Amino acid sequence: MEFFCYHRDRADSLALREELLEDHWSYMDGYAKEMIARGPTLTGADDDDVPTGSVHIVDLPDVRAARAFAFDEPGYQAGVYRDVMLRRWRNLLGRTMWDFPGGRTGGARYLVLGLGEGREVDASGLPDPVPSSGRDELIAYGPLLSDDGCTWLGTAALVRASDPDAARAVLTAAPLAADRYAEVEVQPWQFGGRS
């Protein structure tokens, strides 16, 4: 079962985050085999990118294991984060970020979250197929689902794009996309983990 986990930083928690960085990495090293993608979201200020959160996409046995992953994380335990988004996710690209043909560097990278209003899905398909336009720039892509996997709650994508508007277009340029999402959020993001 795949899960999307987004820890969003609390205001003024940067010093604590930096103090716990090695603890965070060591904790995540324990999930290396389960990791599909990982990395921080950033302010996007050119000269001074400051972390604003941490994205992890992991393949775990069940919802209970996913909750343990999210809430046992050292930064969460110490109060670095203001909230955590934890959703079932489906890896529509069938690869990890390390398999992305574009590599770890080169070009701007973004997290794009399209939040839906909840629609039931059946086993035959999902309401958000992989877009054909810009597919080569997708690092990770898939639906956000309820714990039981029966309700579509949105889409999460990691994408290489020229700017935030181009990243947003991964979700909004599709036919009927204006009706699909209640909100679309775009955050600068970078490949995470130990170099």
N, C-alpha and C. Protein backbone atom coordinates (compact mmCIF):
# COMPACT_ATOMS: atom_id res chain seq x y z
N MET A 1 0.84 -1.16 0.00
CA MET A 1 0.00 0.00 0.00
C MET A 1 0.89 1.24 0.00
N GLU A 2 0.61 2.16 -0.88
CA GLU A 2 1.44 3.36 -0.99
C GLU A 2 0.76 4.54 -0.27
N PHE A 3 1.60 5.37 0.34
CA PHE A 3 1.09 6.50 1.12
C PHE A 3 1.87 7.76 0.79
N PHE A 4 1.15 8.89 0.77
CA PHE A 4 1.72 10.22 0.61
C PHE A 4 1.69 10.87 1.98
N CYS A 5 2.85 11.32 2.45
CA CYS A 5 2.97 11.95 3.77
C CYS A 5 3.64 13.31 3.60
N TYR A 6 2.96 14.36 4.05
CA TYR A 6 3.49 15.72 3.94
C TYR A 6 3.45 16.37 5.32
N HIS A 7 4.62 16.48 5.94
CA HIS A 7 4.77 17.19 7.21
C HIS A 7 5.01 18.66 6.87
N ARG A 8 4.15 19.55 7.33
CA ARG A 8 4.31 20.99 7.08
C ARG A 8 4.90 21.65 8.32
N ASP A 9 5.96 22.42 8.11
CA ASP A 9 6.68 23.02 9.24
C ASP A 9 5.84 24.06 9.98
N ARG A 10 6.07 24.11 11.26
CA ARG A 10 5.50 25.15 12.12
C ARG A 10 6.34 26.42 11.94
N ALA A 11 5.73 27.57 12.06
CA ALA A 11 6.47 28.83 11.96
C ALA A 11 7.58 28.85 13.01
N ASP A 12 8.71 29.38 12.64
CA ASP A 12 9.85 29.55 13.55
C ASP A 12 10.41 28.23 14.09
N SER A 13 10.30 27.14 13.30
CA SER A 13 10.84 25.86 13.76
C SER A 13 12.12 25.47 13.02
N LEU A 14 12.68 26.38 12.23
CA LEU A 14 13.86 26.05 11.42
C LEU A 14 15.04 25.59 12.28
N ALA A 15 15.33 26.28 13.37
CA ALA A 15 16.47 25.90 14.21
C ALA A 15 16.28 24.49 14.77
N LEU A 16 15.08 24.17 15.21
CA LEU A 16 14.80 22.83 15.73
C LEU A 16 14.90 21.80 14.61
N ARG A 17 14.39 22.14 13.44
CA ARG A 17 14.48 21.23 12.28
C ARG A 17 15.94 20.91 11.98
N GLU A 18 16.79 21.95 11.94
CA GLU A 18 18.21 21.76 11.63
C GLU A 18 18.90 20.93 12.71
N GLU A 19 18.53 21.16 13.97
CA GLU A 19 19.10 20.40 15.08
C GLU A 19 18.78 18.91 14.96
N LEU A 20 17.61 18.59 14.41
CA LEU A 20 17.14 17.20 14.31
C LEU A 20 17.39 16.57 12.95
N LEU A 21 18.12 17.25 12.07
CA LEU A 21 18.28 16.76 10.70
C LEU A 21 18.90 15.36 10.65
N GLU A 22 19.95 15.11 11.40
CA GLU A 22 20.57 13.79 11.38
C GLU A 22 19.61 12.73 11.94
N ASP A 23 18.86 13.08 12.98
CA ASP A 23 17.87 12.14 13.52
C ASP A 23 16.80 11.83 12.47
N HIS A 24 16.36 12.85 11.76
CA HIS A 24 15.37 12.67 10.69
C HIS A 24 15.92 11.74 9.61
N TRP A 25 17.13 12.01 9.14
CA TRP A 25 17.72 11.18 8.09
C TRP A 25 17.91 9.74 8.57
N SER A 26 18.38 9.58 9.78
CA SER A 26 18.57 8.22 10.31
C SER A 26 17.24 7.48 10.38
N TYR A 27 16.20 8.17 10.80
CA TYR A 27 14.87 7.57 10.85
C TYR A 27 14.44 7.14 9.44
N MET A 28 14.62 8.03 8.47
CA MET A 28 14.21 7.72 7.10
C MET A 28 15.09 6.63 6.48
N ASP A 29 16.34 6.54 6.90
CA ASP A 29 17.21 5.45 6.41
C ASP A 29 16.58 4.09 6.71
N GLY A 30 15.85 4.00 7.80
CA GLY A 30 15.18 2.76 8.16
C GLY A 30 14.05 2.38 7.21
N TYR A 31 13.65 3.32 6.36
CA TYR A 31 12.59 3.09 5.39
C TYR A 31 13.11 3.16 3.95
N ALA A 32 14.40 3.03 3.77
CA ALA A 32 15.00 3.19 2.44
C ALA A 32 14.37 2.27 1.39
N LYS A 33 14.09 1.04 1.74
CA LYS A 33 13.52 0.09 0.76
C LYS A 33 12.07 0.41 0.42
N GLU A 34 11.37 1.08 1.32
CA GLU A 34 9.97 1.40 1.12
C GLU A 34 9.75 2.76 0.44
N MET A 35 10.82 3.56 0.31
CA MET A 35 10.71 4.94 -0.16
C MET A 35 10.51 5.01 -1.67
N ILE A 36 9.49 5.77 -2.08
CA ILE A 36 9.23 6.04 -3.50
C ILE A 36 9.76 7.42 -3.85
N ALA A 37 9.59 8.37 -2.95
CA ALA A 37 10.11 9.73 -3.15
C ALA A 37 10.22 10.40 -1.80
N ARG A 38 11.12 11.38 -1.72
CA ARG A 38 11.30 12.13 -0.49
C ARG A 38 11.97 13.46 -0.80
N GLY A 39 11.73 14.43 0.04
CA GLY A 39 12.42 15.70 -0.09
C GLY A 39 11.66 16.85 0.54
N PRO A 40 12.37 17.95 0.80
CA PRO A 40 11.75 19.10 1.44
C PRO A 40 11.03 20.00 0.45
N THR A 41 9.94 20.62 0.93
CA THR A 41 9.38 21.77 0.22
C THR A 41 10.14 22.99 0.73
N LEU A 42 10.17 24.03 -0.09
CA LEU A 42 11.02 25.20 0.20
C LEU A 42 10.25 26.50 0.00
N THR A 43 10.80 27.58 0.55
CA THR A 43 10.17 28.89 0.38
C THR A 43 10.23 29.34 -1.07
N GLY A 44 11.28 28.95 -1.77
CA GLY A 44 11.42 29.36 -3.16
C GLY A 44 12.16 30.67 -3.33
N ALA A 45 12.57 31.29 -2.24
CA ALA A 45 13.36 32.52 -2.35
C ALA A 45 14.72 32.15 -2.94
N ASP A 46 15.07 32.77 -4.05
CA ASP A 46 16.25 32.37 -4.82
C ASP A 46 17.53 32.25 -4.00
N ASP A 47 17.80 33.23 -3.17
CA ASP A 47 19.07 33.24 -2.45
C ASP A 47 19.03 32.45 -1.15
N ASP A 48 17.86 32.18 -0.64
CA ASP A 48 17.76 31.63 0.70
C ASP A 48 16.60 30.64 0.80
N ASP A 49 16.69 29.53 0.04
CA ASP A 49 15.65 28.51 0.13
C ASP A 49 15.61 27.96 1.55
N VAL A 50 14.49 28.14 2.20
CA VAL A 50 14.30 27.66 3.56
C VAL A 50 13.26 26.55 3.52
N PRO A 51 13.51 25.43 4.19
CA PRO A 51 12.52 24.35 4.21
C PRO A 51 11.20 24.81 4.83
N THR A 52 10.10 24.34 4.24
CA THR A 52 8.76 24.63 4.75
C THR A 52 8.01 23.35 5.09
N GLY A 53 8.58 22.20 4.75
CA GLY A 53 7.93 20.92 5.02
C GLY A 53 8.75 19.77 4.45
N SER A 54 8.25 18.56 4.66
CA SER A 54 8.92 17.36 4.17
C SER A 54 7.89 16.44 3.52
N VAL A 55 8.18 16.01 2.29
CA VAL A 55 7.32 15.07 1.56
C VAL A 55 7.99 13.70 1.56
N HIS A 56 7.20 12.68 1.86
CA HIS A 56 7.66 11.30 1.76
C HIS A 56 6.54 10.47 1.14
N ILE A 57 6.88 9.72 0.12
CA ILE A 57 5.95 8.77 -0.47
C ILE A 57 6.54 7.39 -0.23
N VAL A 58 5.79 6.56 0.49
CA VAL A 58 6.31 5.27 0.95
C VAL A 58 5.33 4.14 0.66
N ASP A 59 5.88 2.95 0.51
CA ASP A 59 5.10 1.74 0.32
C ASP A 59 5.16 0.94 1.62
N LEU A 60 4.04 0.90 2.34
CA LEU A 60 3.99 0.26 3.66
C LEU A 60 2.85 -0.75 3.71
N PRO A 61 2.87 -1.66 4.69
CA PRO A 61 1.89 -2.74 4.71
C PRO A 61 0.43 -2.30 4.88
N ASP A 62 0.21 -1.24 5.68
CA ASP A 62 -1.18 -0.86 5.97
C ASP A 62 -1.23 0.55 6.56
N VAL A 63 -2.45 1.00 6.83
CA VAL A 63 -2.68 2.34 7.37
C VAL A 63 -2.00 2.50 8.74
N ARG A 64 -2.05 1.49 9.54
CA ARG A 64 -1.42 1.56 10.87
C ARG A 64 0.08 1.81 10.74
N ALA A 65 0.75 1.10 9.84
CA ALA A 65 2.19 1.30 9.63
C ALA A 65 2.46 2.70 9.09
N ALA A 66 1.57 3.21 8.25
CA ALA A 66 1.75 4.57 7.71
C ALA A 66 1.62 5.62 8.81
N ARG A 67 0.67 5.43 9.69
CA ARG A 67 0.52 6.37 10.81
C ARG A 67 1.73 6.33 11.72
N ALA A 68 2.24 5.16 11.97
CA ALA A 68 3.46 5.05 12.79
C ALA A 68 4.61 5.76 12.10
N PHE A 69 4.76 5.56 10.79
CA PHE A 69 5.81 6.24 10.02
C PHE A 69 5.69 7.75 10.19
N ALA A 70 4.50 8.30 10.02
CA ALA A 70 4.29 9.75 10.05
C ALA A 70 4.48 10.34 11.44
N PHE A 71 3.95 9.67 12.46
CA PHE A 71 3.90 10.28 13.78
C PHE A 71 5.02 9.87 14.73
N ASP A 72 5.82 8.87 14.36
CA ASP A 72 7.00 8.54 15.14
C ASP A 72 8.24 9.28 14.64
N GLU A 73 8.12 10.00 13.55
CA GLU A 73 9.23 10.75 12.95
C GLU A 73 9.77 11.75 13.99
N PRO A 74 11.09 11.85 14.16
CA PRO A 74 11.66 12.68 15.22
C PRO A 74 11.24 14.15 15.18
N GLY A 75 11.14 14.73 14.01
CA GLY A 75 10.70 16.13 13.93
C GLY A 75 9.27 16.31 14.39
N TYR A 76 8.41 15.36 14.05
CA TYR A 76 7.02 15.42 14.51
C TYR A 76 6.99 15.31 16.03
N GLN A 77 7.73 14.35 16.57
CA GLN A 77 7.76 14.13 18.02
C GLN A 77 8.26 15.36 18.77
N ALA A 78 9.16 16.12 18.15
CA ALA A 78 9.76 17.29 18.82
C ALA A 78 8.98 18.58 18.58
N GLY A 79 7.98 18.57 17.70
CA GLY A 79 7.17 19.77 17.47
C GLY A 79 7.61 20.63 16.30
N VAL A 80 8.37 20.08 15.36
CA VAL A 80 8.80 20.86 14.19
C VAL A 80 7.60 21.20 13.29
N TYR A 81 6.64 20.29 13.20
CA TYR A 81 5.57 20.43 12.20
C TYR A 81 4.27 20.97 12.78
N ARG A 82 3.57 21.76 11.95
CA ARG A 82 2.26 22.28 12.37
C ARG A 82 1.15 21.31 12.03
N ASP A 83 1.32 20.52 10.96
CA ASP A 83 0.32 19.52 10.63
C ASP A 83 0.93 18.47 9.70
N VAL A 84 0.19 17.40 9.53
CA VAL A 84 0.63 16.29 8.70
C VAL A 84 -0.53 15.88 7.79
N MET A 85 -0.27 15.82 6.49
CA MET A 85 -1.23 15.25 5.56
C MET A 85 -0.77 13.83 5.26
N LEU A 86 -1.60 12.86 5.59
CA LEU A 86 -1.28 11.46 5.34
C LEU A 86 -2.45 10.85 4.57
N ARG A 87 -2.18 10.40 3.35
CA ARG A 87 -3.21 9.85 2.48
C ARG A 87 -2.69 8.61 1.77
N ARG A 88 -3.59 7.67 1.52
CA ARG A 88 -3.23 6.60 0.60
C ARG A 88 -2.95 7.25 -0.74
N TRP A 89 -2.10 6.59 -1.50
CA TRP A 89 -1.64 7.14 -2.79
C TRP A 89 -1.44 5.98 -3.73
N ARG A 90 -1.54 6.21 -5.00
CA ARG A 90 -1.29 5.14 -5.96
C ARG A 90 -0.24 5.62 -6.96
N ASN A 91 0.82 4.87 -7.10
CA ASN A 91 1.96 5.21 -7.94
C ASN A 91 1.63 4.92 -9.41
N LEU A 92 1.06 5.91 -10.09
CA LEU A 92 0.65 5.70 -11.48
C LEU A 92 1.82 5.65 -12.46
N LEU A 93 3.01 6.10 -12.03
CA LEU A 93 4.18 6.02 -12.90
C LEU A 93 4.92 4.69 -12.71
N GLY A 94 4.71 4.04 -11.59
CA GLY A 94 5.34 2.75 -11.34
C GLY A 94 6.84 2.80 -11.14
N ARG A 95 7.33 3.93 -10.64
CA ARG A 95 8.78 4.07 -10.42
C ARG A 95 9.03 4.93 -9.19
N THR A 96 10.29 4.99 -8.79
CA THR A 96 10.68 5.87 -7.69
C THR A 96 11.29 7.14 -8.27
N MET A 97 11.53 8.11 -7.41
CA MET A 97 12.14 9.36 -7.88
C MET A 97 13.55 9.13 -8.40
N TRP A 98 14.22 8.08 -7.90
CA TRP A 98 15.58 7.78 -8.33
C TRP A 98 15.60 7.24 -9.76
N ASP A 99 14.44 6.80 -10.25
CA ASP A 99 14.32 6.31 -11.62
C ASP A 99 13.94 7.42 -12.59
N PHE A 100 13.68 8.63 -12.09
CA PHE A 100 13.30 9.75 -12.95
C PHE A 100 14.41 10.02 -13.95
N PRO A 101 14.12 9.97 -15.26
CA PRO A 101 15.17 10.15 -16.27
C PRO A 101 15.89 11.50 -16.19
N GLY A 102 15.24 12.51 -15.58
CA GLY A 102 15.85 13.83 -15.48
C GLY A 102 16.89 13.96 -14.39
N GLY A 103 17.05 12.94 -13.56
CA GLY A 103 18.07 12.96 -12.52
C GLY A 103 17.71 13.83 -11.33
N ARG A 104 18.67 13.96 -10.41
CA ARG A 104 18.48 14.70 -9.16
C ARG A 104 18.54 16.21 -9.31
N THR A 105 19.26 16.69 -10.32
CA THR A 105 19.46 18.14 -10.45
C THR A 105 19.07 18.60 -11.85
N GLY A 106 19.06 19.89 -12.04
CA GLY A 106 18.74 20.46 -13.34
C GLY A 106 17.27 20.83 -13.43
N GLY A 107 17.00 22.12 -13.41
CA GLY A 107 15.63 22.59 -13.50
C GLY A 107 14.97 22.68 -12.14
N ALA A 108 13.93 23.47 -12.08
CA ALA A 108 13.17 23.64 -10.85
C ALA A 108 12.24 22.45 -10.66
N ARG A 109 12.03 22.07 -9.40
CA ARG A 109 11.15 20.94 -9.05
C ARG A 109 10.05 21.47 -8.13
N TYR A 110 8.87 20.88 -8.25
CA TYR A 110 7.72 21.35 -7.46
C TYR A 110 6.89 20.18 -6.96
N LEU A 111 6.26 20.41 -5.81
CA LEU A 111 5.17 19.59 -5.33
C LEU A 111 3.89 20.27 -5.77
N VAL A 112 3.01 19.53 -6.43
CA VAL A 112 1.70 20.06 -6.84
C VAL A 112 0.63 19.20 -6.18
N LEU A 113 -0.20 19.84 -5.37
CA LEU A 113 -1.30 19.14 -4.69
C LEU A 113 -2.62 19.70 -5.21
N GLY A 114 -3.42 18.85 -5.81
CA GLY A 114 -4.77 19.21 -6.20
C GLY A 114 -5.71 18.55 -5.22
N LEU A 115 -6.42 19.36 -4.45
CA LEU A 115 -7.31 18.81 -3.43
C LEU A 115 -8.73 18.75 -3.98
N GLY A 116 -9.29 17.56 -3.95
CA GLY A 116 -10.64 17.35 -4.46
C GLY A 116 -11.66 17.37 -3.34
N GLU A 117 -12.90 17.25 -3.71
CA GLU A 117 -13.98 17.29 -2.72
C GLU A 117 -14.47 15.90 -2.36
N GLY A 118 -13.80 14.87 -2.83
CA GLY A 118 -14.15 13.50 -2.48
C GLY A 118 -15.17 12.90 -3.43
N ARG A 119 -14.71 11.92 -4.19
CA ARG A 119 -15.60 11.19 -5.10
C ARG A 119 -15.30 9.72 -4.93
N GLU A 120 -16.33 8.94 -4.98
CA GLU A 120 -16.15 7.50 -4.89
C GLU A 120 -15.46 7.00 -6.15
N VAL A 121 -14.58 6.05 -5.99
CA VAL A 121 -13.91 5.43 -7.14
C VAL A 121 -14.19 3.94 -7.10
N ASP A 122 -14.14 3.33 -8.26
CA ASP A 122 -14.32 1.88 -8.29
C ASP A 122 -13.03 1.24 -8.80
N ALA A 123 -13.01 -0.05 -8.80
CA ALA A 123 -11.80 -0.79 -9.17
C ALA A 123 -11.40 -0.59 -10.62
N SER A 124 -12.32 -0.09 -11.45
CA SER A 124 -12.02 0.04 -12.88
C SER A 124 -11.14 1.24 -13.22
N GLY A 125 -11.05 2.18 -12.33
CA GLY A 125 -10.21 3.32 -12.67
C GLY A 125 -10.30 4.45 -11.69
N LEU A 126 -9.53 5.48 -11.94
CA LEU A 126 -9.47 6.66 -11.11
C LEU A 126 -9.77 7.88 -11.96
N PRO A 127 -10.21 8.97 -11.32
CA PRO A 127 -10.57 10.15 -12.10
C PRO A 127 -9.38 10.98 -12.58
N ASP A 128 -8.16 10.56 -12.31
CA ASP A 128 -7.01 11.38 -12.72
C ASP A 128 -5.93 10.54 -13.39
N PRO A 129 -6.11 10.19 -14.66
CA PRO A 129 -5.06 9.45 -15.35
C PRO A 129 -3.80 10.30 -15.49
N VAL A 130 -2.68 9.65 -15.76
CA VAL A 130 -1.43 10.38 -15.96
C VAL A 130 -1.59 11.27 -17.18
N PRO A 131 -1.31 12.57 -17.04
CA PRO A 131 -1.46 13.46 -18.20
C PRO A 131 -0.46 13.10 -19.29
N SER A 132 -0.90 13.19 -20.54
CA SER A 132 0.02 12.89 -21.64
C SER A 132 0.95 14.07 -21.90
N SER A 133 0.46 15.29 -21.73
CA SER A 133 1.29 16.48 -21.91
C SER A 133 2.17 16.67 -20.67
N GLY A 134 3.47 16.75 -20.85
CA GLY A 134 4.40 16.95 -19.75
C GLY A 134 4.74 15.69 -18.98
N ARG A 135 4.35 14.54 -19.48
CA ARG A 135 4.59 13.27 -18.78
C ARG A 135 6.08 13.05 -18.48
N ASP A 136 6.96 13.46 -19.40
CA ASP A 136 8.40 13.25 -19.21
C ASP A 136 8.97 14.07 -18.06
N GLU A 137 8.23 15.07 -17.60
CA GLU A 137 8.69 15.92 -16.51
C GLU A 137 8.15 15.48 -15.15
N LEU A 138 7.32 14.45 -15.14
CA LEU A 138 6.77 13.94 -13.88
C LEU A 138 7.79 13.07 -13.15
N ILE A 139 8.00 13.39 -11.90
CA ILE A 139 8.90 12.62 -11.04
C ILE A 139 8.09 11.58 -10.28
N ALA A 140 6.93 11.96 -9.80
CA ALA A 140 5.98 11.07 -9.13
C ALA A 140 4.59 11.63 -9.40
N TYR A 141 3.60 10.74 -9.51
CA TYR A 141 2.25 11.19 -9.83
C TYR A 141 1.24 10.14 -9.37
N GLY A 142 0.19 10.58 -8.69
CA GLY A 142 -0.85 9.65 -8.31
C GLY A 142 -1.96 10.29 -7.51
N PRO A 143 -3.06 9.55 -7.36
CA PRO A 143 -4.21 10.06 -6.63
C PRO A 143 -4.02 9.98 -5.12
N LEU A 144 -4.62 10.93 -4.42
CA LEU A 144 -4.74 10.91 -2.97
C LEU A 144 -6.07 10.23 -2.66
N LEU A 145 -6.03 9.21 -1.82
CA LEU A 145 -7.22 8.40 -1.56
C LEU A 145 -7.52 8.33 -0.07
N SER A 146 -8.75 7.99 0.26
CA SER A 146 -9.13 7.76 1.66
C SER A 146 -8.41 6.53 2.18
N ASP A 147 -8.46 6.32 3.48
CA ASP A 147 -7.78 5.18 4.10
C ASP A 147 -8.20 3.85 3.49
N ASP A 148 -9.48 3.73 3.12
CA ASP A 148 -9.95 2.47 2.54
C ASP A 148 -9.74 2.39 1.02
N GLY A 149 -9.22 3.47 0.43
CA GLY A 149 -8.93 3.49 -1.00
C GLY A 149 -10.15 3.65 -1.88
N CYS A 150 -11.30 3.94 -1.30
CA CYS A 150 -12.54 4.01 -2.08
C CYS A 150 -12.98 5.42 -2.44
N THR A 151 -12.34 6.43 -1.86
CA THR A 151 -12.71 7.82 -2.14
C THR A 151 -11.50 8.58 -2.63
N TRP A 152 -11.67 9.24 -3.78
CA TRP A 152 -10.62 10.08 -4.36
C TRP A 152 -10.68 11.44 -3.68
N LEU A 153 -9.55 11.88 -3.13
CA LEU A 153 -9.48 13.14 -2.40
C LEU A 153 -8.62 14.18 -3.10
N GLY A 154 -7.98 13.79 -4.20
CA GLY A 154 -7.14 14.73 -4.93
C GLY A 154 -6.00 14.02 -5.63
N THR A 155 -5.00 14.79 -5.99
CA THR A 155 -3.84 14.28 -6.73
C THR A 155 -2.58 14.93 -6.17
N ALA A 156 -1.52 14.15 -6.06
CA ALA A 156 -0.20 14.67 -5.67
C ALA A 156 0.79 14.36 -6.77
N ALA A 157 1.56 15.37 -7.15
CA ALA A 157 2.57 15.19 -8.19
C ALA A 157 3.86 15.89 -7.78
N LEU A 158 4.97 15.28 -8.11
CA LEU A 158 6.28 15.92 -8.04
C LEU A 158 6.70 16.09 -9.49
N VAL A 159 7.08 17.31 -9.87
CA VAL A 159 7.29 17.61 -11.28
C VAL A 159 8.47 18.56 -11.46
N ARG A 160 9.18 18.39 -12.58
CA ARG A 160 10.19 19.38 -13.00
C ARG A 160 9.47 20.33 -13.95
N ALA A 161 9.58 21.62 -13.70
CA ALA A 161 8.88 22.61 -14.52
C ALA A 161 9.66 23.91 -14.54
N SER A 162 9.38 24.74 -15.52
CA SER A 162 10.10 26.00 -15.67
C SER A 162 9.72 27.01 -14.59
N ASP A 163 8.49 26.93 -14.07
CA ASP A 163 8.02 27.87 -13.05
C ASP A 163 6.77 27.29 -12.38
N PRO A 164 6.29 27.93 -11.31
CA PRO A 164 5.11 27.40 -10.60
C PRO A 164 3.87 27.26 -11.49
N ASP A 165 3.66 28.19 -12.41
CA ASP A 165 2.49 28.10 -13.28
C ASP A 165 2.56 26.88 -14.19
N ALA A 166 3.74 26.59 -14.71
CA ALA A 166 3.91 25.40 -15.55
C ALA A 166 3.71 24.13 -14.72
N ALA A 167 4.15 24.15 -13.46
CA ALA A 167 3.93 23.00 -12.58
C ALA A 167 2.45 22.82 -12.31
N ARG A 168 1.75 23.90 -12.02
CA ARG A 168 0.31 23.85 -11.76
C ARG A 168 -0.45 23.28 -12.95
N ALA A 169 0.01 23.58 -14.15
CA ALA A 169 -0.66 23.13 -15.38
C ALA A 169 -0.70 21.61 -15.50
N VAL A 170 0.19 20.91 -14.79
CA VAL A 170 0.15 19.45 -14.81
C VAL A 170 -1.24 18.97 -14.38
N LEU A 171 -1.86 19.67 -13.45
CA LEU A 171 -3.19 19.30 -12.98
C LEU A 171 -4.30 20.12 -13.62
N THR A 172 -4.04 21.38 -13.90
CA THR A 172 -5.13 22.26 -14.33
C THR A 172 -5.34 22.32 -15.83
N ALA A 173 -4.39 21.85 -16.64
CA ALA A 173 -4.54 21.94 -18.09
C ALA A 173 -5.40 20.83 -18.67
N ALA A 174 -5.67 19.79 -17.89
CA ALA A 174 -6.47 18.66 -18.38
C ALA A 174 -7.93 19.10 -18.59
N PRO A 175 -8.61 18.48 -19.54
CA PRO A 175 -10.03 18.79 -19.74
C PRO A 175 -10.82 18.58 -18.44
N LEU A 176 -11.72 19.50 -18.16
CA LEU A 176 -12.58 19.48 -16.98
C LEU A 176 -11.82 19.64 -15.66
N ALA A 177 -10.56 20.00 -15.72
CA ALA A 177 -9.76 20.13 -14.49
C ALA A 177 -10.28 21.23 -13.58
N ALA A 178 -10.86 22.28 -14.16
CA ALA A 178 -11.36 23.37 -13.34
C ALA A 178 -12.43 22.88 -12.36
N ASP A 179 -13.17 21.86 -12.75
CA ASP A 179 -14.20 21.31 -11.89
C ASP A 179 -13.67 20.21 -10.98
N ARG A 180 -12.49 19.72 -11.25
CA ARG A 180 -11.96 18.56 -10.53
C ARG A 180 -11.41 18.94 -9.17
N TYR A 181 -10.76 20.09 -9.04
CA TYR A 181 -10.06 20.44 -7.80
C TYR A 181 -10.68 21.66 -7.13
N ALA A 182 -10.86 21.54 -5.83
CA ALA A 182 -11.32 22.68 -5.03
C ALA A 182 -10.18 23.67 -4.82
N GLU A 183 -8.96 23.14 -4.81
CA GLU A 183 -7.77 23.97 -4.57
C GLU A 183 -6.55 23.27 -5.16
N VAL A 184 -5.63 24.06 -5.72
CA VAL A 184 -4.36 23.52 -6.19
C VAL A 184 -3.25 24.31 -5.53
N GLU A 185 -2.34 23.60 -4.88
CA GLU A 185 -1.22 24.19 -4.16
C GLU A 185 0.08 23.80 -4.85
N VAL A 186 0.99 24.75 -5.03
CA VAL A 186 2.28 24.48 -5.65
C VAL A 186 3.37 24.97 -4.71
N GLN A 187 4.32 24.09 -4.39
CA GLN A 187 5.44 24.42 -3.50
C GLN A 187 6.75 24.02 -4.17
N PRO A 188 7.77 24.88 -4.14
CA PRO A 188 9.09 24.42 -4.59
C PRO A 188 9.50 23.20 -3.78
N TRP A 189 10.15 22.25 -4.43
CA TRP A 189 10.53 20.98 -3.80
C TRP A 189 11.88 20.56 -4.37
N GLN A 190 12.62 19.79 -3.59
CA GLN A 190 13.87 19.24 -4.11
C GLN A 190 14.03 17.79 -3.66
N PHE A 191 14.83 17.04 -4.44
CA PHE A 191 15.14 15.67 -4.06
C PHE A 191 15.76 15.68 -2.67
N GLY A 192 15.35 14.76 -1.85
CA GLY A 192 15.85 14.72 -0.48
C GLY A 192 16.70 13.50 -0.20
N GLY A 193 17.10 13.40 1.03
CA GLY A 193 17.92 12.28 1.48
C GLY A 193 19.40 12.62 1.46
N ARG A 194 20.16 11.67 1.82
CA ARG A 194 21.61 11.83 1.81
C ARG A 194 22.11 11.85 0.38
N SER A 195 23.07 12.68 0.11
CA SER A 195 23.61 12.79 -1.26
C SER A 195 24.45 11.59 -1.61
